[in-house]
Structures are given as C-alpha cells and as structure tokens.
Amino acid sequence: MPRDPAPQRQQLDRGVTDDVVTLGDPRLKAPTATIDAADAGDLLATLVTRLRELNGAGLAAPQIGVSVRAAIVEVRRTDVFPTGRRPA
C-alpha cells in the first residue's frame, strides 16, 4: 500500500532557512526522514543554490532546516584546488 506523501511535502515546504546550521549544532543530530526521489528535485535544487552562494563543497538538508536524508557534494575548481582535484 503506497504511503501518503503529504507529510513529506509539508516538511519540504516549510522549514527551509536562510541560516546554515554547522558542525556542533544539536539539530544536526536530530532524527531525519527518508525522501522519495520524486519529491527531492526542488530540495536538491535549493541545496545546490545555497551551496554555491556559500562557495561550499557539500551541504545536507538538515543544515537548511529540512529534516530529511539528503545531501549534495560538488567538486569544482577552487583557489585551493585549481585543477578540481587534490594534489597527488
């Protein structure tokens, strides 16, 4: 029997914050819910946008106030790694 996606959508619709929670914040230890791939598109787009605004390397949904299991990592050229790769 398929489950009702409404609670999951409500979680995604609310809670996204402008503040980014970082290491040591107890909210990062709170339980998270799973997310269906069909419902993840907007959240992942938001994560990518925030990551790039912050010039970061990775960002998880709980860091922006959404308690679901989703994270992104982006590998790109930076001042530290101008080739986009770590030196050997």
PDB file of N, CA and C in Angstrom:
ATOM      1  N   MET A   1       0.841  -1.185   0.000  1.00  0.00           N
ATOM      2  CA  MET A   1       0.000   0.000   0.000  1.00  0.00           C
ATOM      3  C   MET A   1       0.884   1.245   0.000  1.00  0.00           C
ATOM      4  N   PRO A   2       0.710   2.141  -0.971  1.00  0.00           N
ATOM      5  CA  PRO A   2       1.541   3.347  -1.016  1.00  0.00           C
ATOM      6  C   PRO A   2       1.251   4.253   0.181  1.00  0.00           C
ATOM      7  N   ARG A   3       2.287   4.885   0.668  1.00  0.00           N
ATOM      8  CA  ARG A   3       2.079   5.791   1.790  1.00  0.00           C
ATOM      9  C   ARG A   3       1.718   7.181   1.284  1.00  0.00           C
ATOM     10  N   ASP A   4       1.102   7.937   2.144  1.00  0.00           N
ATOM     11  CA  ASP A   4       0.669   9.285   1.804  1.00  0.00           C
ATOM     12  C   ASP A   4       1.877  10.219   1.803  1.00  0.00           C
ATOM     13  N   PRO A   5       2.192  10.877   0.680  1.00  0.00           N
ATOM     14  CA  PRO A   5       3.358  11.759   0.632  1.00  0.00           C
ATOM     15  C   PRO A   5       3.110  13.127   1.263  1.00  0.00           C
ATOM     16  N   ALA A   6       1.882  13.402   1.695  1.00  0.00           N
ATOM     17  CA  ALA A   6       1.560  14.729   2.224  1.00  0.00           C
ATOM     18  C   ALA A   6       2.462  15.163   3.379  1.00  0.00           C
ATOM     19  N   PRO A   7       2.707  14.316   4.407  1.00  0.00           N
ATOM     20  CA  PRO A   7       3.586  14.774   5.483  1.00  0.00           C
ATOM     21  C   PRO A   7       4.985  15.125   4.990  1.00  0.00           C
ATOM     22  N   GLN A   8       5.482  14.363   4.029  1.00  0.00           N
ATOM     23  CA  GLN A   8       6.810  14.634   3.491  1.00  0.00           C
ATOM     24  C   GLN A   8       6.822  15.975   2.757  1.00  0.00           C
ATOM     25  N   ARG A   9       5.805  16.238   1.953  1.00  0.00           N
ATOM     26  CA  ARG A   9       5.732  17.508   1.232  1.00  0.00           C
ATOM     27  C   ARG A   9       5.632  18.676   2.200  1.00  0.00           C
ATOM     28  N   GLN A  10       4.863  18.506   3.278  1.00  0.00           N
ATOM     29  CA  GLN A  10       4.757  19.574   4.266  1.00  0.00           C
ATOM     30  C   GLN A  10       6.130  19.870   4.857  1.00  0.00           C
ATOM     31  N   GLN A  11       6.899  18.836   5.130  1.00  0.00           N
ATOM     32  CA  GLN A  11       8.236  19.022   5.688  1.00  0.00           C
ATOM     33  C   GLN A  11       9.116  19.787   4.705  1.00  0.00           C
ATOM     34  N   LEU A  12       8.987  19.496   3.423  1.00  0.00           N
ATOM     35  CA  LEU A  12       9.805  20.171   2.425  1.00  0.00           C
ATOM     36  C   LEU A  12       9.356  21.610   2.212  1.00  0.00           C
ATOM     37  N   ASP A  13       8.056  21.856   2.291  1.00  0.00           N
ATOM     38  CA  ASP A  13       7.528  23.191   2.047  1.00  0.00           C
ATOM     39  C   ASP A  13       7.857  24.167   3.164  1.00  0.00           C
ATOM     40  N   ARG A  14       7.999  23.667   4.369  1.00  0.00           N
ATOM     41  CA  ARG A  14       8.285  24.546   5.491  1.00  0.00           C
ATOM     42  C   ARG A  14       9.698  24.296   5.966  1.00  0.00           C
ATOM     43  N   GLY A  15      10.202  25.221   6.685  1.00  0.00           N
ATOM     44  CA  GLY A  15      11.442  24.970   7.392  1.00  0.00           C
ATOM     45  C   GLY A  15      12.720  25.381   6.687  1.00  0.00           C
ATOM     46  N   VAL A  16      12.743  25.582   5.378  1.00  0.00           N
ATOM     47  CA  VAL A  16      13.990  25.981   4.733  1.00  0.00           C
ATOM     48  C   VAL A  16      14.364  27.357   5.258  1.00  0.00           C
ATOM     49  N   THR A  17      15.560  27.461   5.779  1.00  0.00           N
ATOM     50  CA  THR A  17      16.002  28.715   6.386  1.00  0.00           C
ATOM     51  C   THR A  17      17.141  29.334   5.599  1.00  0.00           C
ATOM     52  N   ASP A  18      17.342  30.618   5.812  1.00  0.00           N
ATOM     53  CA  ASP A  18      18.482  31.298   5.205  1.00  0.00           C
ATOM     54  C   ASP A  18      19.765  30.993   5.971  1.00  0.00           C
ATOM     55  N   ASP A  19      19.621  30.714   7.266  1.00  0.00           N
ATOM     56  CA  ASP A  19      20.777  30.372   8.087  1.00  0.00           C
ATOM     57  C   ASP A  19      21.203  28.937   7.786  1.00  0.00           C
ATOM     58  N   VAL A  20      22.496  28.695   7.820  1.00  0.00           N
ATOM     59  CA  VAL A  20      23.018  27.353   7.617  1.00  0.00           C
ATOM     60  C   VAL A  20      23.567  26.854   8.939  1.00  0.00           C
ATOM     61  N   VAL A  21      23.054  25.713   9.379  1.00  0.00           N
ATOM     62  CA  VAL A  21      23.478  25.094  10.619  1.00  0.00           C
ATOM     63  C   VAL A  21      24.813  24.400  10.360  1.00  0.00           C
ATOM     64  N   THR A  22      25.761  24.560  11.277  1.00  0.00           N
ATOM     65  CA  THR A  22      27.084  23.971  11.084  1.00  0.00           C
ATOM     66  C   THR A  22      27.429  22.988  12.196  1.00  0.00           C
ATOM     67  N   LEU A  23      28.543  22.338  12.028  1.00  0.00           N
ATOM     68  CA  LEU A  23      29.035  21.317  12.948  1.00  0.00           C
ATOM     69  C   LEU A  23      28.911  21.761  14.403  1.00  0.00           C
ATOM     70  N   GLY A  24      28.399  20.860  15.227  1.00  0.00           N
ATOM     71  CA  GLY A  24      28.251  21.140  16.638  1.00  0.00           C
ATOM     72  C   GLY A  24      26.839  21.535  17.034  1.00  0.00           C
ATOM     73  N   ASP A  25      26.014  21.925  16.073  1.00  0.00           N
ATOM     74  CA  ASP A  25      24.635  22.296  16.375  1.00  0.00           C
ATOM     75  C   ASP A  25      23.827  21.035  16.653  1.00  0.00           C
ATOM     76  N   PRO A  26      23.088  20.972  17.750  1.00  0.00           N
ATOM     77  CA  PRO A  26      22.342  19.754  18.097  1.00  0.00           C
ATOM     78  C   PRO A  26      21.264  19.383  17.079  1.00  0.00           C
ATOM     79  N   ARG A  27      20.808  20.328  16.282  1.00  0.00           N
ATOM     80  CA  ARG A  27      19.803  20.000  15.257  1.00  0.00           C
ATOM     81  C   ARG A  27      20.330  19.010  14.228  1.00  0.00           C
ATOM     82  N   LEU A  28      21.638  18.943  14.082  1.00  0.00           N
ATOM     83  CA  LEU A  28      22.212  18.003  13.119  1.00  0.00           C
ATOM     84  C   LEU A  28      22.188  16.568  13.628  1.00  0.00           C
ATOM     85  N   LYS A  29      21.921  16.389  14.906  1.00  0.00           N
ATOM     86  CA  LYS A  29      21.821  15.043  15.474  1.00  0.00           C
ATOM     87  C   LYS A  29      20.378  14.564  15.569  1.00  0.00           C
ATOM     88  N   ALA A  30      19.433  15.410  15.202  1.00  0.00           N
ATOM     89  CA  ALA A  30      18.012  15.056  15.273  1.00  0.00           C
ATOM     90  C   ALA A  30      17.690  13.996  14.220  1.00  0.00           C
ATOM     91  N   PRO A  31      16.719  13.134  14.496  1.00  0.00           N
ATOM     92  CA  PRO A  31      16.328  12.120  13.514  1.00  0.00           C
ATOM     93  C   PRO A  31      15.845  12.768  12.211  1.00  0.00           C
ATOM     94  N   THR A  32      16.103  12.081  11.113  1.00  0.00           N
ATOM     95  CA  THR A  32      15.662  12.568   9.808  1.00  0.00           C
ATOM     96  C   THR A  32      14.788  11.527   9.137  1.00  0.00           C
ATOM     97  N   ALA A  33      13.977  11.973   8.209  1.00  0.00           N
ATOM     98  CA  ALA A  33      13.087  11.088   7.464  1.00  0.00           C
ATOM     99  C   ALA A  33      13.691  10.787   6.100  1.00  0.00           C
ATOM    100  N   THR A  34      13.233   9.721   5.489  1.00  0.00           N
ATOM    101  CA  THR A  34      13.640   9.436   4.117  1.00  0.00           C
ATOM    102  C   THR A  34      12.843  10.334   3.188  1.00  0.00           C
ATOM    103  N   ILE A  35      13.315  10.455   1.969  1.00  0.00           N
ATOM    104  CA  ILE A  35      12.631  11.263   0.972  1.00  0.00           C
ATOM    105  C   ILE A  35      12.578  10.470  -0.322  1.00  0.00           C
ATOM    106  N   ASP A  36      11.448  10.508  -0.994  1.00  0.00           N
ATOM    107  CA  ASP A  36      11.307   9.838  -2.280  1.00  0.00           C
ATOM    108  C   ASP A  36      12.001  10.653  -3.356  1.00  0.00           C
ATOM    109  N   ALA A  37      12.605   9.991  -4.309  1.00  0.00           N
ATOM    110  CA  ALA A  37      13.294  10.683  -5.396  1.00  0.00           C
ATOM    111  C   ALA A  37      12.359  11.636  -6.129  1.00  0.00           C
ATOM    112  N   ALA A  38      11.109  11.250  -6.280  1.00  0.00           N
ATOM    113  CA  ALA A  38      10.144  12.099  -6.986  1.00  0.00           C
ATOM    114  C   ALA A  38       9.905  13.413  -6.254  1.00  0.00           C
ATOM    115  N   ASP A  39      10.102  13.423  -4.943  1.00  0.00           N
ATOM    116  CA  ASP A  39       9.866  14.629  -4.149  1.00  0.00           C
ATOM    117  C   ASP A  39      11.139  15.419  -3.878  1.00  0.00           C
ATOM    118  N   ALA A  40      12.272  14.933  -4.317  1.00  0.00           N
ATOM    119  CA  ALA A  40      13.553  15.523  -3.940  1.00  0.00           C
ATOM    120  C   ALA A  40      14.043  16.634  -4.859  1.00  0.00           C
ATOM    121  N   GLY A  41      13.485  16.766  -6.041  1.00  0.00           N
ATOM    122  CA  GLY A  41      14.016  17.707  -7.033  1.00  0.00           C
ATOM    123  C   GLY A  41      14.148  19.135  -6.551  1.00  0.00           C
ATOM    124  N   ASP A  42      13.073  19.695  -5.995  1.00  0.00           N
ATOM    125  CA  ASP A  42      13.122  21.082  -5.533  1.00  0.00           C
ATOM    126  C   ASP A  42      14.096  21.252  -4.374  1.00  0.00           C
ATOM    127  N   LEU A  43      14.099  20.282  -3.469  1.00  0.00           N
ATOM    128  CA  LEU A  43      15.018  20.354  -2.337  1.00  0.00           C
ATOM    129  C   LEU A  43      16.466  20.318  -2.813  1.00  0.00           C
ATOM    130  N   LEU A  44      16.784  19.419  -3.729  1.00  0.00           N
ATOM    131  CA  LEU A  44      18.162  19.326  -4.232  1.00  0.00           C
ATOM    132  C   LEU A  44      18.557  20.606  -4.958  1.00  0.00           C
ATOM    133  N   ALA A  45      17.635  21.195  -5.700  1.00  0.00           N
ATOM    134  CA  ALA A  45      17.920  22.471  -6.375  1.00  0.00           C
ATOM    135  C   ALA A  45      18.213  23.565  -5.353  1.00  0.00           C
ATOM    136  N   THR A  46      17.446  23.576  -4.269  1.00  0.00           N
ATOM    137  CA  THR A  46      17.689  24.551  -3.208  1.00  0.00           C
ATOM    138  C   THR A  46      19.048  24.324  -2.565  1.00  0.00           C
ATOM    139  N   LEU A  47      19.391  23.073  -2.324  1.00  0.00           N
ATOM    140  CA  LEU A  47      20.703  22.755  -1.740  1.00  0.00           C
ATOM    141  C   LEU A  47      21.834  23.227  -2.654  1.00  0.00           C
ATOM    142  N   VAL A  48      21.714  22.991  -3.936  1.00  0.00           N
ATOM    143  CA  VAL A  48      22.757  23.416  -4.887  1.00  0.00           C
ATOM    144  C   VAL A  48      22.884  24.936  -4.887  1.00  0.00           C
ATOM    145  N   THR A  49      21.767  25.630  -4.917  1.00  0.00           N
ATOM    146  CA  THR A  49      21.795  27.096  -4.909  1.00  0.00           C
ATOM    147  C   THR A  49      22.480  27.631  -3.663  1.00  0.00           C
ATOM    148  N   ARG A  50      22.093  27.124  -2.487  1.00  0.00           N
ATOM    149  CA  ARG A  50      22.694  27.585  -1.232  1.00  0.00           C
ATOM    150  C   ARG A  50      24.187  27.233  -1.176  1.00  0.00           C
ATOM    151  N   LEU A  51      24.541  26.033  -1.637  1.00  0.00           N
ATOM    152  CA  LEU A  51      25.936  25.617  -1.640  1.00  0.00           C
ATOM    153  C   LEU A  51      26.781  26.582  -2.459  1.00  0.00           C
ATOM    154  N   ARG A  52      26.297  26.937  -3.621  1.00  0.00           N
ATOM    155  CA  ARG A  52      27.056  27.841  -4.497  1.00  0.00           C
ATOM    156  C   ARG A  52      27.097  29.258  -3.948  1.00  0.00           C
ATOM    157  N   GLU A  53      26.018  29.699  -3.310  1.00  0.00           N
ATOM    158  CA  GLU A  53      26.032  31.021  -2.674  1.00  0.00           C
ATOM    159  C   GLU A  53      27.100  31.088  -1.585  1.00  0.00           C
ATOM    160  N   LEU A  54      27.283  29.965  -0.903  1.00  0.00           N
ATOM    161  CA  LEU A  54      28.243  29.899   0.196  1.00  0.00           C
ATOM    162  C   LEU A  54      29.645  29.503  -0.252  1.00  0.00           C
ATOM    163  N   ASN A  55      29.794  29.170  -1.538  1.00  0.00           N
ATOM    164  CA  ASN A  55      31.061  28.686  -2.079  1.00  0.00           C
ATOM    165  C   ASN A  55      31.553  27.484  -1.285  1.00  0.00           C
ATOM    166  N   GLY A  56      30.606  26.586  -0.973  1.00  0.00           N
ATOM    167  CA  GLY A  56      30.934  25.410  -0.186  1.00  0.00           C
ATOM    168  C   GLY A  56      31.232  24.202  -1.044  1.00  0.00           C
ATOM    169  N   ALA A  57      31.500  23.095  -0.369  1.00  0.00           N
ATOM    170  CA  ALA A  57      31.795  21.838  -1.053  1.00  0.00           C
ATOM    171  C   ALA A  57      30.692  20.811  -0.860  1.00  0.00           C
ATOM    172  N   GLY A  58      29.914  20.940   0.212  1.00  0.00           N
ATOM    173  CA  GLY A  58      28.839  19.998   0.484  1.00  0.00           C
ATOM    174  C   GLY A  58      27.825  20.626   1.417  1.00  0.00           C
ATOM    175  N   LEU A  59      26.595  20.143   1.334  1.00  0.00           N
ATOM    176  CA  LEU A  59      25.521  20.678   2.166  1.00  0.00           C
ATOM    177  C   LEU A  59      24.457  19.601   2.338  1.00  0.00           C
ATOM    178  N   ALA A  60      23.950  19.468   3.550  1.00  0.00           N
ATOM    179  CA  ALA A  60      22.910  18.489   3.850  1.00  0.00           C
ATOM    180  C   ALA A  60      21.606  19.213   4.162  1.00  0.00           C
ATOM    181  N   ALA A  61      20.495  18.557   3.878  1.00  0.00           N
ATOM    182  CA  ALA A  61      19.178  19.154   4.102  1.00  0.00           C
ATOM    183  C   ALA A  61      18.991  19.655   5.537  1.00  0.00           C
ATOM    184  N   PRO A  62      19.398  18.895   6.571  1.00  0.00           N
ATOM    185  CA  PRO A  62      19.218  19.419   7.935  1.00  0.00           C
ATOM    186  C   PRO A  62      19.951  20.735   8.189  1.00  0.00           C
ATOM    187  N   GLN A  63      20.976  21.018   7.428  1.00  0.00           N
ATOM    188  CA  GLN A  63      21.699  22.272   7.613  1.00  0.00           C
ATOM    189  C   GLN A  63      20.881  23.482   7.193  1.00  0.00           C
ATOM    190  N   ILE A  64      19.864  23.279   6.375  1.00  0.00           N
ATOM    191  CA  ILE A  64      18.999  24.388   5.974  1.00  0.00           C
ATOM    192  C   ILE A  64      17.601  24.239   6.559  1.00  0.00           C
ATOM    193  N   GLY A  65      17.479  23.409   7.590  1.00  0.00           N
ATOM    194  CA  GLY A  65      16.224  23.316   8.315  1.00  0.00           C
ATOM    195  C   GLY A  65      15.247  22.270   7.839  1.00  0.00           C
ATOM    196  N   VAL A  66      15.656  21.360   6.958  1.00  0.00           N
ATOM    197  CA  VAL A  66      14.770  20.314   6.456  1.00  0.00           C
ATOM    198  C   VAL A  66      15.279  18.968   6.975  1.00  0.00           C
ATOM    199  N   SER A  67      14.459  18.308   7.794  1.00  0.00           N
ATOM    200  CA  SER A  67      14.889  17.079   8.464  1.00  0.00           C
ATOM    201  C   SER A  67      14.640  15.835   7.624  1.00  0.00           C
ATOM    202  N   VAL A  68      15.287  15.774   6.465  1.00  0.00           N
ATOM    203  CA  VAL A  68      15.237  14.584   5.608  1.00  0.00           C
ATOM    204  C   VAL A  68      16.659  14.188   5.261  1.00  0.00           C
ATOM    205  N   ARG A  69      16.826  12.939   4.817  1.00  0.00           N
ATOM    206  CA  ARG A  69      18.151  12.415   4.462  1.00  0.00           C
ATOM    207  C   ARG A  69      18.479  12.772   3.024  1.00  0.00           C
ATOM    208  N   ALA A  70      19.077  13.922   2.853  1.00  0.00           N
ATOM    209  CA  ALA A  70      19.508  14.366   1.524  1.00  0.00           C
ATOM    210  C   ALA A  70      20.734  15.250   1.695  1.00  0.00           C
ATOM    211  N   ALA A  71      21.699  15.056   0.831  1.00  0.00           N
ATOM    212  CA  ALA A  71      22.919  15.857   0.872  1.00  0.00           C
ATOM    213  C   ALA A  71      23.491  15.938  -0.535  1.00  0.00           C
ATOM    214  N   ILE A  72      24.266  16.979  -0.776  1.00  0.00           N
ATOM    215  CA  ILE A  72      24.942  17.123  -2.055  1.00  0.00           C
ATOM    216  C   ILE A  72      26.412  17.435  -1.805  1.00  0.00           C
ATOM    217  N   VAL A  73      27.223  17.065  -2.761  1.00  0.00           N
ATOM    218  CA  VAL A  73      28.651  17.380  -2.760  1.00  0.00           C
ATOM    219  C   VAL A  73      28.983  17.834  -4.163  1.00  0.00           C
ATOM    220  N   GLU A  74      29.719  18.936  -4.263  1.00  0.00           N
ATOM    221  CA  GLU A  74      30.091  19.446  -5.581  1.00  0.00           C
ATOM    222  C   GLU A  74      31.604  19.573  -5.647  1.00  0.00           C
ATOM    223  N   VAL A  75      32.189  18.962  -6.636  1.00  0.00           N
ATOM    224  CA  VAL A  75      33.635  19.035  -6.842  1.00  0.00           C
ATOM    225  C   VAL A  75      33.883  19.987  -8.000  1.00  0.00           C
ATOM    226  N   ARG A  76      34.623  21.040  -7.718  1.00  0.00           N
ATOM    227  CA  ARG A  76      34.907  22.033  -8.753  1.00  0.00           C
ATOM    228  C   ARG A  76      36.245  22.706  -8.451  1.00  0.00           C
ATOM    229  N   ARG A  77      36.702  23.477  -9.380  1.00  0.00           N
ATOM    230  CA  ARG A  77      37.968  24.182  -9.195  1.00  0.00           C
ATOM    231  C   ARG A  77      37.788  25.276  -8.151  1.00  0.00           C
ATOM    232  N   THR A  78      38.783  25.416  -7.296  1.00  0.00           N
ATOM    233  CA  THR A  78      38.803  26.468  -6.283  1.00  0.00           C
ATOM    234  C   THR A  78      40.216  27.018  -6.198  1.00  0.00           C
ATOM    235  N   ASP A  79      40.386  28.033  -5.374  1.00  0.00           N
ATOM    236  CA  ASP A  79      41.742  28.561  -5.164  1.00  0.00           C
ATOM    237  C   ASP A  79      42.641  27.504  -4.532  1.00  0.00           C
ATOM    238  N   VAL A  80      42.061  26.652  -3.686  1.00  0.00           N
ATOM    239  CA  VAL A  80      42.838  25.620  -3.015  1.00  0.00           C
ATOM    240  C   VAL A  80      43.166  24.479  -3.979  1.00  0.00           C
ATOM    241  N   PHE A  81      42.176  24.107  -4.816  1.00  0.00           N
ATOM    242  CA  PHE A  81      42.356  23.013  -5.785  1.00  0.00           C
ATOM    243  C   PHE A  81      42.046  23.543  -7.189  1.00  0.00           C
ATOM    244  N   PRO A  82      42.989  24.275  -7.817  1.00  0.00           N
ATOM    245  CA  PRO A  82      42.721  24.906  -9.095  1.00  0.00           C
ATOM    246  C   PRO A  82      42.433  23.934 -10.242  1.00  0.00           C
ATOM    247  N   THR A  83      42.812  22.678 -10.100  1.00  0.00           N
ATOM    248  CA  THR A  83      42.514  21.709 -11.155  1.00  0.00           C
ATOM    249  C   THR A  83      41.218  20.961 -10.856  1.00  0.00           C
ATOM    250  N   GLY A  84      40.618  21.213  -9.702  1.00  0.00           N
ATOM    251  CA  GLY A  84      39.417  20.481  -9.306  1.00  0.00           C
ATOM    252  C   GLY A  84      39.748  19.148  -8.652  1.00  0.00           C
ATOM    253  N   ARG A  85      41.033  18.851  -8.510  1.00  0.00           N
ATOM    254  CA  ARG A  85      41.473  17.594  -7.904  1.00  0.00           C
ATOM    255  C   ARG A  85      42.505  17.899  -6.828  1.00  0.00           C
ATOM    256  N   ARG A  86      42.583  16.997  -5.880  1.00  0.00           N
ATOM    257  CA  ARG A  86      43.615  17.117  -4.853  1.00  0.00           C
ATOM    258  C   ARG A  86      44.971  16.790  -5.464  1.00  0.00           C
ATOM    259  N   PRO A  87      46.012  17.464  -5.005  1.00  0.00           N
ATOM    260  CA  PRO A  87      47.364  17.111  -5.493  1.00  0.00           C
ATOM    261  C   PRO A  87      47.719  15.696  -5.040  1.00  0.00           C
ATOM    262  N   ALA A  88      48.465  15.002  -5.849  1.00  0.00           N
ATOM    263  CA  ALA A  88      48.860  13.625  -5.524  1.00  0.00           C
ATOM    264  C   ALA A  88      49.862  13.576  -4.406  1.00  0.00           C
TER     265      ALA A  88
END
